[in-house]
Amino acid sequence: QVQLVESGGGLVQAGGSLRLSCAASGRTFSSYAMGWFRQAPGNEREFVAGVNYSGGGSSYADSVKGRFTISRDNAKNTAYLQMNSLKPEDTAVYYCAGRNTRYNGNYVYNQPSDYGYWGQGTQVTVSS
């Protein structure tokens, strides 16, 4: 079991940057594949970025490639999403998600149904 708590959201002007953090409880964070998703009002939850449990592999939605970077620090039980060159269309509630792989399959997952653990979300608002 793991509990996930996001932080770092806020209001930023277009072109600015934010770094989201996802702090995980528990002793097995290193076995969890992690992902970031976002949901804007009226839209479905969409994949933003994912990282495998070792941190050696990652994947991004086309809309954020080259602007966002996902990373993790297993010693700190924390995953991050560095967001640069933010656009108004990035405005959404951002959620981190975890999947306990039990070290079976060092994959990146990009569907909400792949993840069993979710944080409460953090609001990101980008003004034009």
N, C-alpha and C. Protein backbone atom coordinates (compact mmCIF):
# COMPACT_ATOMS: atom_id res chain seq x y z
N GLN A 1 0.84 -1.18 0.00
CA GLN A 1 0.00 0.00 0.00
C GLN A 1 0.88 1.24 0.00
N VAL A 2 0.45 2.26 -0.70
CA VAL A 2 1.17 3.52 -0.73
C VAL A 2 0.15 4.63 -0.78
N GLN A 3 0.47 5.72 -0.12
CA GLN A 3 -0.35 6.93 -0.22
C GLN A 3 0.45 8.00 -0.94
N LEU A 4 -0.20 8.72 -1.82
CA LEU A 4 0.47 9.71 -2.66
C LEU A 4 -0.08 11.10 -2.37
N VAL A 5 0.81 12.06 -2.20
CA VAL A 5 0.41 13.43 -1.92
C VAL A 5 1.15 14.36 -2.87
N GLU A 6 0.39 15.08 -3.70
CA GLU A 6 0.98 16.02 -4.64
C GLU A 6 1.14 17.40 -4.00
N SER A 7 2.09 18.13 -4.51
CA SER A 7 2.28 19.53 -4.11
C SER A 7 2.97 20.25 -5.25
N GLY A 8 2.97 21.58 -5.17
CA GLY A 8 3.70 22.38 -6.14
C GLY A 8 2.84 23.06 -7.19
N GLY A 9 1.54 22.82 -7.17
CA GLY A 9 0.69 23.49 -8.13
C GLY A 9 0.52 24.96 -7.79
N GLY A 10 -0.12 25.69 -8.70
CA GLY A 10 -0.36 27.10 -8.45
C GLY A 10 -0.71 27.84 -9.71
N LEU A 11 -0.64 29.16 -9.63
CA LEU A 11 -0.96 30.05 -10.75
C LEU A 11 0.35 30.56 -11.34
N VAL A 12 0.50 30.46 -12.65
CA VAL A 12 1.72 30.91 -13.31
C VAL A 12 1.34 31.53 -14.66
N GLN A 13 2.14 32.47 -15.10
CA GLN A 13 1.90 33.08 -16.41
C GLN A 13 2.41 32.16 -17.52
N ALA A 14 1.82 32.31 -18.68
CA ALA A 14 2.27 31.55 -19.84
C ALA A 14 3.76 31.75 -20.05
N GLY A 15 4.45 30.66 -20.34
CA GLY A 15 5.89 30.70 -20.50
C GLY A 15 6.66 30.40 -19.24
N GLY A 16 5.96 30.37 -18.12
CA GLY A 16 6.60 30.11 -16.84
C GLY A 16 6.80 28.63 -16.57
N SER A 17 7.28 28.34 -15.36
CA SER A 17 7.60 26.97 -14.98
C SER A 17 7.02 26.64 -13.60
N LEU A 18 6.76 25.38 -13.40
CA LEU A 18 6.37 24.86 -12.09
C LEU A 18 6.99 23.47 -11.95
N ARG A 19 7.25 23.08 -10.73
CA ARG A 19 7.66 21.70 -10.46
C ARG A 19 6.68 21.07 -9.49
N LEU A 20 6.04 20.02 -9.94
CA LEU A 20 5.15 19.27 -9.08
C LEU A 20 5.92 18.15 -8.39
N SER A 21 5.54 17.88 -7.15
CA SER A 21 6.13 16.78 -6.41
C SER A 21 5.03 15.81 -6.00
N CYS A 22 5.39 14.56 -5.90
CA CYS A 22 4.46 13.52 -5.45
C CYS A 22 5.19 12.70 -4.39
N ALA A 23 4.84 12.93 -3.15
CA ALA A 23 5.48 12.23 -2.03
C ALA A 23 4.70 10.97 -1.71
N ALA A 24 5.42 9.87 -1.60
CA ALA A 24 4.79 8.58 -1.35
C ALA A 24 5.14 8.07 0.04
N SER A 25 4.15 7.53 0.70
CA SER A 25 4.41 6.85 1.98
C SER A 25 4.75 5.40 1.71
N GLY A 26 5.21 4.70 2.72
CA GLY A 26 5.50 3.28 2.53
C GLY A 26 6.94 3.02 2.18
N ARG A 27 7.31 1.74 2.24
CA ARG A 27 8.71 1.35 2.09
C ARG A 27 9.01 0.73 0.74
N THR A 28 8.01 0.66 -0.13
CA THR A 28 8.22 -0.04 -1.40
C THR A 28 8.07 0.86 -2.60
N PHE A 29 8.29 2.17 -2.40
CA PHE A 29 8.14 3.11 -3.50
C PHE A 29 8.99 2.71 -4.69
N SER A 30 10.14 2.16 -4.45
CA SER A 30 11.05 1.83 -5.55
C SER A 30 10.50 0.76 -6.48
N SER A 31 9.47 0.05 -6.06
CA SER A 31 8.86 -0.96 -6.93
C SER A 31 7.69 -0.41 -7.73
N TYR A 32 7.37 0.87 -7.55
CA TYR A 32 6.19 1.46 -8.18
C TYR A 32 6.58 2.19 -9.47
N ALA A 33 5.89 1.85 -10.54
CA ALA A 33 5.91 2.72 -11.71
C ALA A 33 5.03 3.92 -11.39
N MET A 34 5.45 5.08 -11.83
CA MET A 34 4.73 6.31 -11.50
C MET A 34 4.28 7.04 -12.76
N GLY A 35 3.18 7.74 -12.61
CA GLY A 35 2.67 8.51 -13.74
C GLY A 35 2.06 9.81 -13.28
N TRP A 36 1.99 10.75 -14.19
CA TRP A 36 1.28 12.01 -13.99
C TRP A 36 0.16 12.09 -15.03
N PHE A 37 -1.02 12.45 -14.55
CA PHE A 37 -2.18 12.65 -15.40
C PHE A 37 -2.76 14.03 -15.09
N ARG A 38 -3.61 14.51 -15.97
CA ARG A 38 -4.28 15.77 -15.72
C ARG A 38 -5.71 15.71 -16.21
N GLN A 39 -6.53 16.55 -15.60
CA GLN A 39 -7.94 16.60 -15.99
C GLN A 39 -8.42 18.04 -15.91
N ALA A 40 -8.84 18.54 -17.06
CA ALA A 40 -9.44 19.87 -17.14
C ALA A 40 -10.96 19.73 -17.07
N PRO A 41 -11.66 20.79 -16.65
CA PRO A 41 -13.12 20.70 -16.54
C PRO A 41 -13.76 20.27 -17.85
N GLY A 42 -14.65 19.27 -17.75
CA GLY A 42 -15.35 18.78 -18.92
C GLY A 42 -14.58 17.79 -19.76
N ASN A 43 -13.32 17.53 -19.36
CA ASN A 43 -12.48 16.61 -20.13
C ASN A 43 -12.22 15.33 -19.33
N GLU A 44 -11.84 14.29 -20.05
CA GLU A 44 -11.42 13.07 -19.39
C GLU A 44 -10.00 13.23 -18.84
N ARG A 45 -9.68 12.38 -17.90
CA ARG A 45 -8.32 12.39 -17.36
C ARG A 45 -7.37 11.88 -18.45
N GLU A 46 -6.29 12.62 -18.66
CA GLU A 46 -5.37 12.25 -19.73
C GLU A 46 -3.95 12.06 -19.21
N PHE A 47 -3.25 11.17 -19.88
CA PHE A 47 -1.87 10.88 -19.54
C PHE A 47 -0.98 12.07 -19.87
N VAL A 48 -0.05 12.37 -18.98
CA VAL A 48 0.92 13.43 -19.21
C VAL A 48 2.33 12.84 -19.35
N ALA A 49 2.73 12.04 -18.35
CA ALA A 49 4.07 11.47 -18.36
C ALA A 49 4.12 10.27 -17.44
N GLY A 50 5.03 9.35 -17.74
CA GLY A 50 5.20 8.18 -16.89
C GLY A 50 6.67 7.80 -16.80
N VAL A 51 7.02 7.13 -15.71
CA VAL A 51 8.39 6.68 -15.50
C VAL A 51 8.35 5.27 -14.91
N ASN A 52 9.30 4.43 -15.35
CA ASN A 52 9.31 3.07 -14.82
C ASN A 52 9.90 3.04 -13.41
N TYR A 53 9.88 1.88 -12.77
CA TYR A 53 10.23 1.85 -11.35
C TYR A 53 11.70 2.16 -11.11
N SER A 54 12.54 1.86 -12.08
CA SER A 54 13.96 2.14 -11.91
C SER A 54 14.32 3.58 -12.22
N GLY A 55 13.44 4.28 -12.92
CA GLY A 55 13.74 5.64 -13.35
C GLY A 55 14.50 5.71 -14.65
N GLY A 56 14.78 4.56 -15.25
CA GLY A 56 15.57 4.56 -16.48
C GLY A 56 14.78 4.72 -17.75
N GLY A 57 13.47 4.70 -17.66
CA GLY A 57 12.62 4.84 -18.83
C GLY A 57 11.46 5.77 -18.55
N SER A 58 11.08 6.54 -19.56
CA SER A 58 9.98 7.48 -19.39
C SER A 58 9.24 7.64 -20.71
N SER A 59 8.03 8.20 -20.60
CA SER A 59 7.20 8.43 -21.77
C SER A 59 6.39 9.69 -21.53
N TYR A 60 6.05 10.39 -22.63
CA TYR A 60 5.33 11.64 -22.53
C TYR A 60 4.21 11.72 -23.56
N ALA A 61 3.18 12.45 -23.18
CA ALA A 61 2.16 12.80 -24.17
C ALA A 61 2.78 13.75 -25.19
N ASP A 62 2.31 13.66 -26.42
CA ASP A 62 2.87 14.53 -27.46
C ASP A 62 2.74 16.00 -27.11
N SER A 63 1.67 16.34 -26.41
CA SER A 63 1.40 17.75 -26.11
C SER A 63 2.40 18.36 -25.14
N VAL A 64 3.16 17.53 -24.43
CA VAL A 64 4.10 18.06 -23.43
C VAL A 64 5.55 17.71 -23.73
N LYS A 65 5.78 16.93 -24.75
CA LYS A 65 7.16 16.53 -25.10
C LYS A 65 8.03 17.76 -25.33
N GLY A 66 9.21 17.72 -24.74
CA GLY A 66 10.15 18.82 -24.88
C GLY A 66 9.92 19.95 -23.89
N ARG A 67 8.80 19.92 -23.17
CA ARG A 67 8.50 20.96 -22.18
C ARG A 67 8.47 20.41 -20.75
N PHE A 68 7.98 19.18 -20.60
CA PHE A 68 7.85 18.57 -19.28
C PHE A 68 8.87 17.45 -19.12
N THR A 69 9.30 17.26 -17.88
CA THR A 69 10.23 16.18 -17.56
C THR A 69 9.78 15.48 -16.29
N ILE A 70 9.62 14.17 -16.38
CA ILE A 70 9.29 13.38 -15.20
C ILE A 70 10.57 12.77 -14.64
N SER A 71 10.64 12.70 -13.33
CA SER A 71 11.79 12.09 -12.69
C SER A 71 11.35 11.51 -11.35
N ARG A 72 12.24 10.78 -10.72
CA ARG A 72 11.93 10.20 -9.41
C ARG A 72 13.22 10.10 -8.61
N ASP A 73 13.04 10.17 -7.29
CA ASP A 73 14.15 9.97 -6.37
C ASP A 73 13.69 8.89 -5.40
N ASN A 74 14.13 7.67 -5.62
CA ASN A 74 13.65 6.56 -4.79
C ASN A 74 14.14 6.68 -3.35
N ALA A 75 15.27 7.35 -3.15
CA ALA A 75 15.75 7.54 -1.78
C ALA A 75 14.84 8.48 -0.99
N LYS A 76 14.15 9.37 -1.70
CA LYS A 76 13.25 10.32 -1.05
C LYS A 76 11.78 9.94 -1.22
N ASN A 77 11.51 8.80 -1.84
CA ASN A 77 10.13 8.37 -2.06
C ASN A 77 9.31 9.44 -2.76
N THR A 78 9.88 10.06 -3.76
CA THR A 78 9.21 11.19 -4.40
C THR A 78 9.38 11.13 -5.91
N ALA A 79 8.30 11.45 -6.59
CA ALA A 79 8.33 11.63 -8.04
C ALA A 79 8.08 13.10 -8.35
N TYR A 80 8.60 13.54 -9.48
CA TYR A 80 8.51 14.97 -9.84
C TYR A 80 8.01 15.12 -11.27
N LEU A 81 7.43 16.28 -11.51
CA LEU A 81 7.10 16.68 -12.87
C LEU A 81 7.54 18.13 -13.03
N GLN A 82 8.62 18.31 -13.77
CA GLN A 82 9.10 19.65 -14.07
C GLN A 82 8.39 20.14 -15.33
N MET A 83 7.71 21.26 -15.21
CA MET A 83 6.91 21.79 -16.31
C MET A 83 7.46 23.15 -16.72
N ASN A 84 7.97 23.23 -17.93
CA ASN A 84 8.51 24.48 -18.47
C ASN A 84 7.68 24.95 -19.65
N SER A 85 7.86 26.21 -20.02
CA SER A 85 7.15 26.79 -21.17
C SER A 85 5.66 26.49 -21.09
N LEU A 86 5.09 26.75 -19.95
CA LEU A 86 3.69 26.42 -19.73
C LEU A 86 2.77 27.25 -20.62
N LYS A 87 1.67 26.61 -21.02
CA LYS A 87 0.68 27.23 -21.88
C LYS A 87 -0.67 27.23 -21.18
N PRO A 88 -1.56 28.14 -21.58
CA PRO A 88 -2.89 28.15 -20.95
C PRO A 88 -3.60 26.79 -21.06
N GLU A 89 -3.35 26.08 -22.14
CA GLU A 89 -4.00 24.77 -22.31
C GLU A 89 -3.44 23.69 -21.37
N ASP A 90 -2.40 24.00 -20.62
CA ASP A 90 -1.91 23.09 -19.60
C ASP A 90 -2.70 23.20 -18.29
N THR A 91 -3.60 24.17 -18.23
CA THR A 91 -4.41 24.36 -17.04
C THR A 91 -5.27 23.12 -16.77
N ALA A 92 -5.15 22.58 -15.55
CA ALA A 92 -5.86 21.36 -15.19
C ALA A 92 -5.53 21.02 -13.74
N VAL A 93 -6.24 20.04 -13.22
CA VAL A 93 -5.83 19.40 -11.98
C VAL A 93 -4.88 18.26 -12.35
N TYR A 94 -3.72 18.25 -11.73
CA TYR A 94 -2.70 17.25 -12.02
C TYR A 94 -2.68 16.21 -10.90
N TYR A 95 -2.69 14.95 -11.33
CA TYR A 95 -2.70 13.83 -10.40
C TYR A 95 -1.45 12.98 -10.61
N CYS A 96 -0.86 12.53 -9.52
CA CYS A 96 0.16 11.50 -9.66
C CYS A 96 -0.49 10.15 -9.37
N ALA A 97 0.08 9.13 -9.95
CA ALA A 97 -0.46 7.79 -9.84
C ALA A 97 0.67 6.78 -9.70
N GLY A 98 0.40 5.69 -9.00
CA GLY A 98 1.40 4.66 -8.79
C GLY A 98 0.86 3.28 -9.07
N ARG A 99 1.74 2.44 -9.60
CA ARG A 99 1.41 1.04 -9.88
C ARG A 99 2.49 0.18 -9.24
N ASN A 100 2.10 -0.72 -8.36
CA ASN A 100 3.05 -1.60 -7.72
C ASN A 100 3.42 -2.72 -8.68
N THR A 101 4.60 -2.66 -9.25
CA THR A 101 5.03 -3.68 -10.20
C THR A 101 5.63 -4.89 -9.52
N ARG A 102 5.94 -4.77 -8.22
CA ARG A 102 6.64 -5.85 -7.49
C ARG A 102 7.90 -6.27 -8.24
N TYR A 103 8.49 -5.32 -8.93
CA TYR A 103 9.72 -5.50 -9.70
C TYR A 103 9.55 -6.50 -10.85
N ASN A 104 8.32 -6.69 -11.30
CA ASN A 104 8.06 -7.55 -12.44
C ASN A 104 7.72 -6.69 -13.64
N GLY A 105 8.65 -6.50 -14.54
CA GLY A 105 8.38 -5.72 -15.73
C GLY A 105 8.69 -4.25 -15.51
N ASN A 106 9.81 -3.80 -16.03
CA ASN A 106 10.26 -2.43 -15.81
C ASN A 106 9.70 -1.55 -16.93
N TYR A 107 8.37 -1.39 -16.91
CA TYR A 107 7.69 -0.70 -18.00
C TYR A 107 7.18 0.67 -17.57
N VAL A 108 6.86 1.48 -18.58
CA VAL A 108 6.16 2.74 -18.37
C VAL A 108 4.70 2.52 -18.75
N TYR A 109 3.79 2.97 -17.93
CA TYR A 109 2.37 2.76 -18.15
C TYR A 109 1.70 4.10 -18.44
N ASN A 110 0.74 4.11 -19.39
CA ASN A 110 0.15 5.38 -19.80
C ASN A 110 -1.37 5.41 -19.80
N GLN A 111 -2.00 4.42 -19.19
CA GLN A 111 -3.45 4.43 -19.09
C GLN A 111 -3.87 4.59 -17.64
N PRO A 112 -4.93 5.35 -17.37
CA PRO A 112 -5.38 5.47 -15.97
C PRO A 112 -5.66 4.12 -15.33
N SER A 113 -6.18 3.19 -16.13
CA SER A 113 -6.54 1.87 -15.59
C SER A 113 -5.32 1.04 -15.22
N ASP A 114 -4.13 1.47 -15.63
CA ASP A 114 -2.90 0.76 -15.26
C ASP A 114 -2.48 1.03 -13.83
N TYR A 115 -3.05 2.05 -13.22
CA TYR A 115 -2.59 2.50 -11.91
C TYR A 115 -3.63 2.23 -10.84
N GLY A 116 -3.17 1.81 -9.68
CA GLY A 116 -4.08 1.49 -8.59
C GLY A 116 -4.08 2.50 -7.47
N TYR A 117 -3.12 3.41 -7.51
CA TYR A 117 -3.00 4.38 -6.42
C TYR A 117 -2.94 5.79 -7.01
N TRP A 118 -3.69 6.69 -6.38
CA TRP A 118 -3.81 8.06 -6.88
C TRP A 118 -3.68 9.06 -5.75
N GLY A 119 -3.10 10.21 -6.07
CA GLY A 119 -3.11 11.32 -5.15
C GLY A 119 -4.40 12.11 -5.27
N GLN A 120 -4.50 13.16 -4.46
CA GLN A 120 -5.73 13.95 -4.42
C GLN A 120 -5.77 15.01 -5.50
N GLY A 121 -4.64 15.27 -6.13
CA GLY A 121 -4.58 16.26 -7.21
C GLY A 121 -4.12 17.61 -6.73
N THR A 122 -3.49 18.34 -7.65
CA THR A 122 -3.06 19.71 -7.38
C THR A 122 -3.39 20.57 -8.59
N GLN A 123 -3.93 21.75 -8.34
CA GLN A 123 -4.39 22.61 -9.43
C GLN A 123 -3.22 23.37 -10.04
N VAL A 124 -3.16 23.35 -11.35
CA VAL A 124 -2.22 24.17 -12.11
C VAL A 124 -3.03 25.09 -13.02
N THR A 125 -2.81 26.38 -12.88
CA THR A 125 -3.51 27.36 -13.70
C THR A 125 -2.48 28.23 -14.41
N VAL A 126 -2.58 28.27 -15.73
CA VAL A 126 -1.65 29.05 -16.54
C VAL A 126 -2.44 30.19 -17.19
N SER A 127 -2.05 31.41 -16.86
CA SER A 127 -2.74 32.58 -17.39
C SER A 127 -2.05 33.06 -18.67
N SER A 128 -2.86 33.62 -19.55
CA SER A 128 -2.31 34.11 -20.84
C SER A 128 -1.86 35.55 -20.75
